[in-house]
Amino acid sequence: MNGSRSAPGIGNPYRMGPVTQHENILEALRLLADRDLSDPLDAAIASSLLKPLYLGKTLTQDARDQIADLPARAPA
């Protein structure tokens, strides 16, 4: 996602702040926040749903439904 950016280091620090302002990515991350992605297959599904967003695509209703179908994180 940040392939054009250099890694932080001496003389090249990152400012703390939001990772993105892309509304579709932010919505997807909010939807994924309470999903349990500890299973590699579930994590792969989440990753595959995010990739089109990194390329500028919109979050579809199908993707929202797939996120909703992922297992919920157990209460802490």
PDB file of N, CA and C in Angstrom:
ATOM      1  N   MET A   1       0.818  -1.183   0.000  1.00  0.00           N
ATOM      2  CA  MET A   1       0.000   0.000   0.000  1.00  0.00           C
ATOM      3  C   MET A   1       0.864   1.250   0.000  1.00  0.00           C
ATOM      4  N   ASN A   2       2.001   1.197   0.672  1.00  0.00           N
ATOM      5  CA  ASN A   2       2.878   2.362   0.748  1.00  0.00           C
ATOM      6  C   ASN A   2       4.191   2.105   0.014  1.00  0.00           C
ATOM      7  N   GLY A   3       4.116   1.430  -1.103  1.00  0.00           N
ATOM      8  CA  GLY A   3       5.315   1.060  -1.844  1.00  0.00           C
ATOM      9  C   GLY A   3       6.160   2.238  -2.283  1.00  0.00           C
ATOM     10  N   SER A   4       5.559   3.409  -2.429  1.00  0.00           N
ATOM     11  CA  SER A   4       6.314   4.578  -2.878  1.00  0.00           C
ATOM     12  C   SER A   4       6.965   5.329  -1.725  1.00  0.00           C
ATOM     13  N   ARG A   5       6.705   4.903  -0.489  1.00  0.00           N
ATOM     14  CA  ARG A   5       7.252   5.591   0.684  1.00  0.00           C
ATOM     15  C   ARG A   5       8.480   4.863   1.208  1.00  0.00           C
ATOM     16  N   SER A   6       9.425   5.646   1.700  1.00  0.00           N
ATOM     17  CA  SER A   6      10.618   5.061   2.309  1.00  0.00           C
ATOM     18  C   SER A   6      10.287   4.602   3.717  1.00  0.00           C
ATOM     19  N   ALA A   7      11.081   3.666   4.207  1.00  0.00           N
ATOM     20  CA  ALA A   7      10.914   3.207   5.587  1.00  0.00           C
ATOM     21  C   ALA A   7      11.401   4.300   6.524  1.00  0.00           C
ATOM     22  N   PRO A   8      10.831   4.408   7.729  1.00  0.00           N
ATOM     23  CA  PRO A   8      11.305   5.418   8.667  1.00  0.00           C
ATOM     24  C   PRO A   8      12.717   5.082   9.141  1.00  0.00           C
ATOM     25  N   GLY A   9      13.426   6.082   9.521  1.00  0.00           N
ATOM     26  CA  GLY A   9      14.776   5.885  10.014  1.00  0.00           C
ATOM     27  C   GLY A   9      15.417   7.227  10.303  1.00  0.00           C
ATOM     28  N   ILE A  10      16.698   7.223  10.524  1.00  0.00           N
ATOM     29  CA  ILE A  10      17.424   8.456  10.820  1.00  0.00           C
ATOM     30  C   ILE A  10      17.241   9.418   9.643  1.00  0.00           C
ATOM     31  N   GLY A  11      16.762  10.599   9.956  1.00  0.00           N
ATOM     32  CA  GLY A  11      16.549  11.603   8.921  1.00  0.00           C
ATOM     33  C   GLY A  11      15.291  11.394   8.098  1.00  0.00           C
ATOM     34  N   ASN A  12      14.535  10.345   8.378  1.00  0.00           N
ATOM     35  CA  ASN A  12      13.322  10.056   7.624  1.00  0.00           C
ATOM     36  C   ASN A  12      12.237   9.508   8.552  1.00  0.00           C
ATOM     37  N   PRO A  13      11.889  10.250   9.612  1.00  0.00           N
ATOM     38  CA  PRO A  13      10.876   9.741  10.557  1.00  0.00           C
ATOM     39  C   PRO A  13       9.464   9.890   9.981  1.00  0.00           C
ATOM     40  N   TYR A  14       8.576   9.041  10.435  1.00  0.00           N
ATOM     41  CA  TYR A  14       7.166   9.185  10.101  1.00  0.00           C
ATOM     42  C   TYR A  14       6.507  10.064  11.145  1.00  0.00           C
ATOM     43  N   ARG A  15       5.562  10.874  10.714  1.00  0.00           N
ATOM     44  CA  ARG A  15       4.716  11.597  11.647  1.00  0.00           C
ATOM     45  C   ARG A  15       3.623  10.642  12.094  1.00  0.00           C
ATOM     46  N   MET A  16       3.283  10.692  13.370  1.00  0.00           N
ATOM     47  CA  MET A  16       2.171   9.897  13.857  1.00  0.00           C
ATOM     48  C   MET A  16       0.884  10.518  13.328  1.00  0.00           C
ATOM     49  N   GLY A  17      -0.031   9.697  12.922  1.00  0.00           N
ATOM     50  CA  GLY A  17      -1.296  10.207  12.423  1.00  0.00           C
ATOM     51  C   GLY A  17      -2.072   9.103  11.750  1.00  0.00           C
ATOM     52  N   PRO A  18      -3.160   9.458  11.103  1.00  0.00           N
ATOM     53  CA  PRO A  18      -3.975   8.440  10.436  1.00  0.00           C
ATOM     54  C   PRO A  18      -3.171   7.735   9.341  1.00  0.00           C
ATOM     55  N   VAL A  19      -3.439   6.463   9.204  1.00  0.00           N
ATOM     56  CA  VAL A  19      -2.768   5.676   8.178  1.00  0.00           C
ATOM     57  C   VAL A  19      -3.281   6.072   6.799  1.00  0.00           C
ATOM     58  N   THR A  20      -4.567   6.342   6.703  1.00  0.00           N
ATOM     59  CA  THR A  20      -5.173   6.703   5.427  1.00  0.00           C
ATOM     60  C   THR A  20      -6.385   7.595   5.677  1.00  0.00           C
ATOM     61  N   GLN A  21      -6.766   8.296   4.660  1.00  0.00           N
ATOM     62  CA  GLN A  21      -8.003   9.066   4.702  1.00  0.00           C
ATOM     63  C   GLN A  21      -8.992   8.530   3.676  1.00  0.00           C
ATOM     64  N   HIS A  22      -8.647   7.428   3.038  1.00  0.00           N
ATOM     65  CA  HIS A  22      -9.488   6.808   2.014  1.00  0.00           C
ATOM     66  C   HIS A  22     -10.735   6.230   2.688  1.00  0.00           C
ATOM     67  N   GLU A  23     -11.887   6.811   2.382  1.00  0.00           N
ATOM     68  CA  GLU A  23     -13.125   6.451   3.088  1.00  0.00           C
ATOM     69  C   GLU A  23     -13.471   4.976   3.008  1.00  0.00           C
ATOM     70  N   ASN A  24     -13.250   4.352   1.858  1.00  0.00           N
ATOM     71  CA  ASN A  24     -13.588   2.932   1.718  1.00  0.00           C
ATOM     72  C   ASN A  24     -12.681   2.058   2.573  1.00  0.00           C
ATOM     73  N   ILE A  25     -11.400   2.409   2.655  1.00  0.00           N
ATOM     74  CA  ILE A  25     -10.481   1.646   3.499  1.00  0.00           C
ATOM     75  C   ILE A  25     -10.851   1.840   4.965  1.00  0.00           C
ATOM     76  N   LEU A  26     -11.143   3.080   5.357  1.00  0.00           N
ATOM     77  CA  LEU A  26     -11.532   3.337   6.743  1.00  0.00           C
ATOM     78  C   LEU A  26     -12.797   2.574   7.114  1.00  0.00           C
ATOM     79  N   GLU A  27     -13.778   2.533   6.215  1.00  0.00           N
ATOM     80  CA  GLU A  27     -15.001   1.778   6.497  1.00  0.00           C
ATOM     81  C   GLU A  27     -14.689   0.296   6.655  1.00  0.00           C
ATOM     82  N   ALA A  28     -13.887  -0.241   5.757  1.00  0.00           N
ATOM     83  CA  ALA A  28     -13.537  -1.661   5.839  1.00  0.00           C
ATOM     84  C   ALA A  28     -12.806  -1.969   7.139  1.00  0.00           C
ATOM     85  N   LEU A  29     -11.885  -1.096   7.537  1.00  0.00           N
ATOM     86  CA  LEU A  29     -11.152  -1.318   8.784  1.00  0.00           C
ATOM     87  C   LEU A  29     -12.084  -1.247   9.990  1.00  0.00           C
ATOM     88  N   ARG A  30     -13.057  -0.339   9.957  1.00  0.00           N
ATOM     89  CA  ARG A  30     -14.046  -0.282  11.050  1.00  0.00           C
ATOM     90  C   ARG A  30     -14.856  -1.584  11.105  1.00  0.00           C
ATOM     91  N   LEU A  31     -15.251  -2.081   9.941  1.00  0.00           N
ATOM     92  CA  LEU A  31     -16.025  -3.326   9.897  1.00  0.00           C
ATOM     93  C   LEU A  31     -15.190  -4.523  10.357  1.00  0.00           C
ATOM     94  N   LEU A  32     -13.896  -4.496  10.075  1.00  0.00           N
ATOM     95  CA  LEU A  32     -13.013  -5.601  10.452  1.00  0.00           C
ATOM     96  C   LEU A  32     -12.556  -5.531  11.909  1.00  0.00           C
ATOM     97  N   ALA A  33     -12.762  -4.399  12.555  1.00  0.00           N
ATOM     98  CA  ALA A  33     -12.224  -4.178  13.904  1.00  0.00           C
ATOM     99  C   ALA A  33     -12.686  -5.220  14.918  1.00  0.00           C
ATOM    100  N   ASP A  34     -13.899  -5.731  14.779  1.00  0.00           N
ATOM    101  CA  ASP A  34     -14.397  -6.705  15.762  1.00  0.00           C
ATOM    102  C   ASP A  34     -14.451  -8.123  15.201  1.00  0.00           C
ATOM    103  N   ARG A  35     -13.735  -8.355  14.094  1.00  0.00           N
ATOM    104  CA  ARG A  35     -13.674  -9.690  13.498  1.00  0.00           C
ATOM    105  C   ARG A  35     -12.434 -10.422  14.010  1.00  0.00           C
ATOM    106  N   ASP A  36     -12.553 -11.722  14.190  1.00  0.00           N
ATOM    107  CA  ASP A  36     -11.439 -12.560  14.635  1.00  0.00           C
ATOM    108  C   ASP A  36     -10.715 -13.082  13.395  1.00  0.00           C
ATOM    109  N   LEU A  37      -9.524 -12.563  13.153  1.00  0.00           N
ATOM    110  CA  LEU A  37      -8.755 -12.949  11.968  1.00  0.00           C
ATOM    111  C   LEU A  37      -7.586 -13.854  12.324  1.00  0.00           C
ATOM    112  N   SER A  38      -7.699 -14.560  13.449  1.00  0.00           N
ATOM    113  CA  SER A  38      -6.612 -15.445  13.875  1.00  0.00           C
ATOM    114  C   SER A  38      -6.489 -16.677  12.985  1.00  0.00           C
ATOM    115  N   ASP A  39      -7.555 -17.092  12.352  1.00  0.00           N
ATOM    116  CA  ASP A  39      -7.497 -18.206  11.404  1.00  0.00           C
ATOM    117  C   ASP A  39      -6.884 -17.685  10.102  1.00  0.00           C
ATOM    118  N   PRO A  40      -5.848 -18.351   9.579  1.00  0.00           N
ATOM    119  CA  PRO A  40      -5.196 -17.864   8.354  1.00  0.00           C
ATOM    120  C   PRO A  40      -6.154 -17.692   7.172  1.00  0.00           C
ATOM    121  N   LEU A  41      -7.153 -18.546   7.059  1.00  0.00           N
ATOM    122  CA  LEU A  41      -8.107 -18.411   5.960  1.00  0.00           C
ATOM    123  C   LEU A  41      -8.938 -17.138   6.116  1.00  0.00           C
ATOM    124  N   ASP A  42      -9.381 -16.853   7.336  1.00  0.00           N
ATOM    125  CA  ASP A  42     -10.151 -15.625   7.576  1.00  0.00           C
ATOM    126  C   ASP A  42      -9.289 -14.394   7.324  1.00  0.00           C
ATOM    127  N   ALA A  43      -8.026 -14.446   7.733  1.00  0.00           N
ATOM    128  CA  ALA A  43      -7.107 -13.334   7.489  1.00  0.00           C
ATOM    129  C   ALA A  43      -6.895 -13.130   5.988  1.00  0.00           C
ATOM    130  N   ALA A  44      -6.793 -14.231   5.250  1.00  0.00           N
ATOM    131  CA  ALA A  44      -6.617 -14.144   3.803  1.00  0.00           C
ATOM    132  C   ALA A  44      -7.851 -13.531   3.140  1.00  0.00           C
ATOM    133  N   ILE A  45      -9.028 -13.899   3.623  1.00  0.00           N
ATOM    134  CA  ILE A  45     -10.264 -13.316   3.093  1.00  0.00           C
ATOM    135  C   ILE A  45     -10.271 -11.814   3.329  1.00  0.00           C
ATOM    136  N   ALA A  46      -9.933 -11.406   4.547  1.00  0.00           N
ATOM    137  CA  ALA A  46      -9.895  -9.977   4.867  1.00  0.00           C
ATOM    138  C   ALA A  46      -8.898  -9.253   3.965  1.00  0.00           C
ATOM    139  N   SER A  47      -7.739  -9.841   3.780  1.00  0.00           N
ATOM    140  CA  SER A  47      -6.718  -9.236   2.929  1.00  0.00           C
ATOM    141  C   SER A  47      -7.209  -9.103   1.491  1.00  0.00           C
ATOM    142  N   SER A  48      -7.875 -10.134   1.000  1.00  0.00           N
ATOM    143  CA  SER A  48      -8.362 -10.091  -0.382  1.00  0.00           C
ATOM    144  C   SER A  48      -9.462  -9.051  -0.555  1.00  0.00           C
ATOM    145  N   LEU A  49     -10.202  -8.762   0.505  1.00  0.00           N
ATOM    146  CA  LEU A  49     -11.240  -7.733   0.436  1.00  0.00           C
ATOM    147  C   LEU A  49     -10.641  -6.326   0.492  1.00  0.00           C
ATOM    148  N   LEU A  50      -9.491  -6.188   1.139  1.00  0.00           N
ATOM    149  CA  LEU A  50      -8.834  -4.884   1.244  1.00  0.00           C
ATOM    150  C   LEU A  50      -8.050  -4.511  -0.012  1.00  0.00           C
ATOM    151  N   LYS A  51      -7.476  -5.491  -0.680  1.00  0.00           N
ATOM    152  CA  LYS A  51      -6.586  -5.199  -1.807  1.00  0.00           C
ATOM    153  C   LYS A  51      -7.228  -4.312  -2.873  1.00  0.00           C
ATOM    154  N   PRO A  52      -8.446  -4.572  -3.332  1.00  0.00           N
ATOM    155  CA  PRO A  52      -9.031  -3.676  -4.342  1.00  0.00           C
ATOM    156  C   PRO A  52      -9.159  -2.231  -3.853  1.00  0.00           C
ATOM    157  N   LEU A  53      -9.354  -2.063  -2.541  1.00  0.00           N
ATOM    158  CA  LEU A  53      -9.489  -0.721  -1.985  1.00  0.00           C
ATOM    159  C   LEU A  53      -8.176   0.034  -2.093  1.00  0.00           C
ATOM    160  N   TYR A  54      -7.051  -0.672  -1.911  1.00  0.00           N
ATOM    161  CA  TYR A  54      -5.733  -0.052  -2.041  1.00  0.00           C
ATOM    162  C   TYR A  54      -5.515   0.453  -3.469  1.00  0.00           C
ATOM    163  N   LEU A  55      -6.221  -0.189  -4.406  1.00  0.00           N
ATOM    164  CA  LEU A  55      -6.085   0.172  -5.817  1.00  0.00           C
ATOM    165  C   LEU A  55      -7.122   1.210  -6.246  1.00  0.00           C
ATOM    166  N   GLY A  56      -7.859   1.763  -5.265  1.00  0.00           N
ATOM    167  CA  GLY A  56      -8.805   2.835  -5.559  1.00  0.00           C
ATOM    168  C   GLY A  56     -10.228   2.398  -5.824  1.00  0.00           C
ATOM    169  N   LYS A  57     -10.508   1.112  -5.699  1.00  0.00           N
ATOM    170  CA  LYS A  57     -11.872   0.619  -5.912  1.00  0.00           C
ATOM    171  C   LYS A  57     -12.748   0.973  -4.713  1.00  0.00           C
ATOM    172  N   THR A  58     -14.050   0.847  -4.878  1.00  0.00           N
ATOM    173  CA  THR A  58     -14.975   1.130  -3.784  1.00  0.00           C
ATOM    174  C   THR A  58     -15.311  -0.149  -3.033  1.00  0.00           C
ATOM    175  N   LEU A  59     -15.731   0.010  -1.798  1.00  0.00           N
ATOM    176  CA  LEU A  59     -16.153  -1.117  -0.976  1.00  0.00           C
ATOM    177  C   LEU A  59     -17.557  -1.513  -1.420  1.00  0.00           C
ATOM    178  N   THR A  60     -17.697  -2.736  -1.871  1.00  0.00           N
ATOM    179  CA  THR A  60     -18.990  -3.202  -2.385  1.00  0.00           C
ATOM    180  C   THR A  60     -19.845  -3.782  -1.265  1.00  0.00           C
ATOM    181  N   GLN A  61     -21.118  -3.915  -1.527  1.00  0.00           N
ATOM    182  CA  GLN A  61     -22.005  -4.546  -0.550  1.00  0.00           C
ATOM    183  C   GLN A  61     -21.609  -6.008  -0.351  1.00  0.00           C
ATOM    184  N   ASP A  62     -21.173  -6.662  -1.416  1.00  0.00           N
ATOM    185  CA  ASP A  62     -20.714  -8.051  -1.289  1.00  0.00           C
ATOM    186  C   ASP A  62     -19.534  -8.145  -0.326  1.00  0.00           C
ATOM    187  N   ALA A  63     -18.585  -7.215  -0.432  1.00  0.00           N
ATOM    188  CA  ALA A  63     -17.434  -7.213   0.478  1.00  0.00           C
ATOM    189  C   ALA A  63     -17.897  -6.957   1.913  1.00  0.00           C
ATOM    190  N   ARG A  64     -18.836  -6.029   2.103  1.00  0.00           N
ATOM    191  CA  ARG A  64     -19.376  -5.773   3.444  1.00  0.00           C
ATOM    192  C   ARG A  64     -20.013  -7.042   4.012  1.00  0.00           C
ATOM    193  N   ASP A  65     -20.755  -7.755   3.164  1.00  0.00           N
ATOM    194  CA  ASP A  65     -21.402  -8.997   3.598  1.00  0.00           C
ATOM    195  C   ASP A  65     -20.370 -10.061   3.965  1.00  0.00           C
ATOM    196  N   GLN A  66     -19.297 -10.150   3.177  1.00  0.00           N
ATOM    197  CA  GLN A  66     -18.246 -11.127   3.474  1.00  0.00           C
ATOM    198  C   GLN A  66     -17.555 -10.797   4.792  1.00  0.00           C
ATOM    199  N   ILE A  67     -17.341  -9.518   5.064  1.00  0.00           N
ATOM    200  CA  ILE A  67     -16.759  -9.122   6.342  1.00  0.00           C
ATOM    201  C   ILE A  67     -17.699  -9.502   7.477  1.00  0.00           C
ATOM    202  N   ALA A  68     -18.983  -9.249   7.298  1.00  0.00           N
ATOM    203  CA  ALA A  68     -19.965  -9.586   8.338  1.00  0.00           C
ATOM    204  C   ALA A  68     -20.005 -11.094   8.593  1.00  0.00           C
ATOM    205  N   ASP A  69     -19.677 -11.887   7.587  1.00  0.00           N
ATOM    206  CA  ASP A  69     -19.694 -13.354   7.737  1.00  0.00           C
ATOM    207  C   ASP A  69     -18.442 -13.883   8.452  1.00  0.00           C
ATOM    208  N   LEU A  70     -17.407 -13.064   8.572  1.00  0.00           N
ATOM    209  CA  LEU A  70     -16.207 -13.501   9.300  1.00  0.00           C
ATOM    210  C   LEU A  70     -16.559 -13.647  10.775  1.00  0.00           C
ATOM    211  N   PRO A  71     -15.881 -14.548  11.492  1.00  0.00           N
ATOM    212  CA  PRO A  71     -16.220 -14.749  12.900  1.00  0.00           C
ATOM    213  C   PRO A  71     -15.933 -13.509  13.743  1.00  0.00           C
ATOM    214  N   ALA A  72     -16.816 -13.274  14.707  1.00  0.00           N
ATOM    215  CA  ALA A  72     -16.639 -12.139  15.619  1.00  0.00           C
ATOM    216  C   ALA A  72     -15.535 -12.453  16.621  1.00  0.00           C
ATOM    217  N   ARG A  73     -14.814 -11.421  17.014  1.00  0.00           N
ATOM    218  CA  ARG A  73     -13.787 -11.551  18.038  1.00  0.00           C
ATOM    219  C   ARG A  73     -14.478 -11.829  19.375  1.00  0.00           C
ATOM    220  N   ALA A  74     -13.911 -12.737  20.155  1.00  0.00           N
ATOM    221  CA  ALA A  74     -14.468 -13.043  21.482  1.00  0.00           C
ATOM    222  C   ALA A  74     -14.314 -11.829  22.388  1.00  0.00           C
ATOM    223  N   PRO A  75     -15.291 -11.576  23.238  1.00  0.00           N
ATOM    224  CA  PRO A  75     -15.177 -10.433  24.160  1.00  0.00           C
ATOM    225  C   PRO A  75     -13.954 -10.606  25.065  1.00  0.00           C
ATOM    226  N   ALA A  76     -13.316  -9.498  25.375  1.00  0.00           N
ATOM    227  CA  ALA A  76     -12.110  -9.538  26.217  1.00  0.00           C
ATOM    228  C   ALA A  76     -12.456  -9.673  27.676  1.00  0.00           C
TER     229      ALA A  76
END
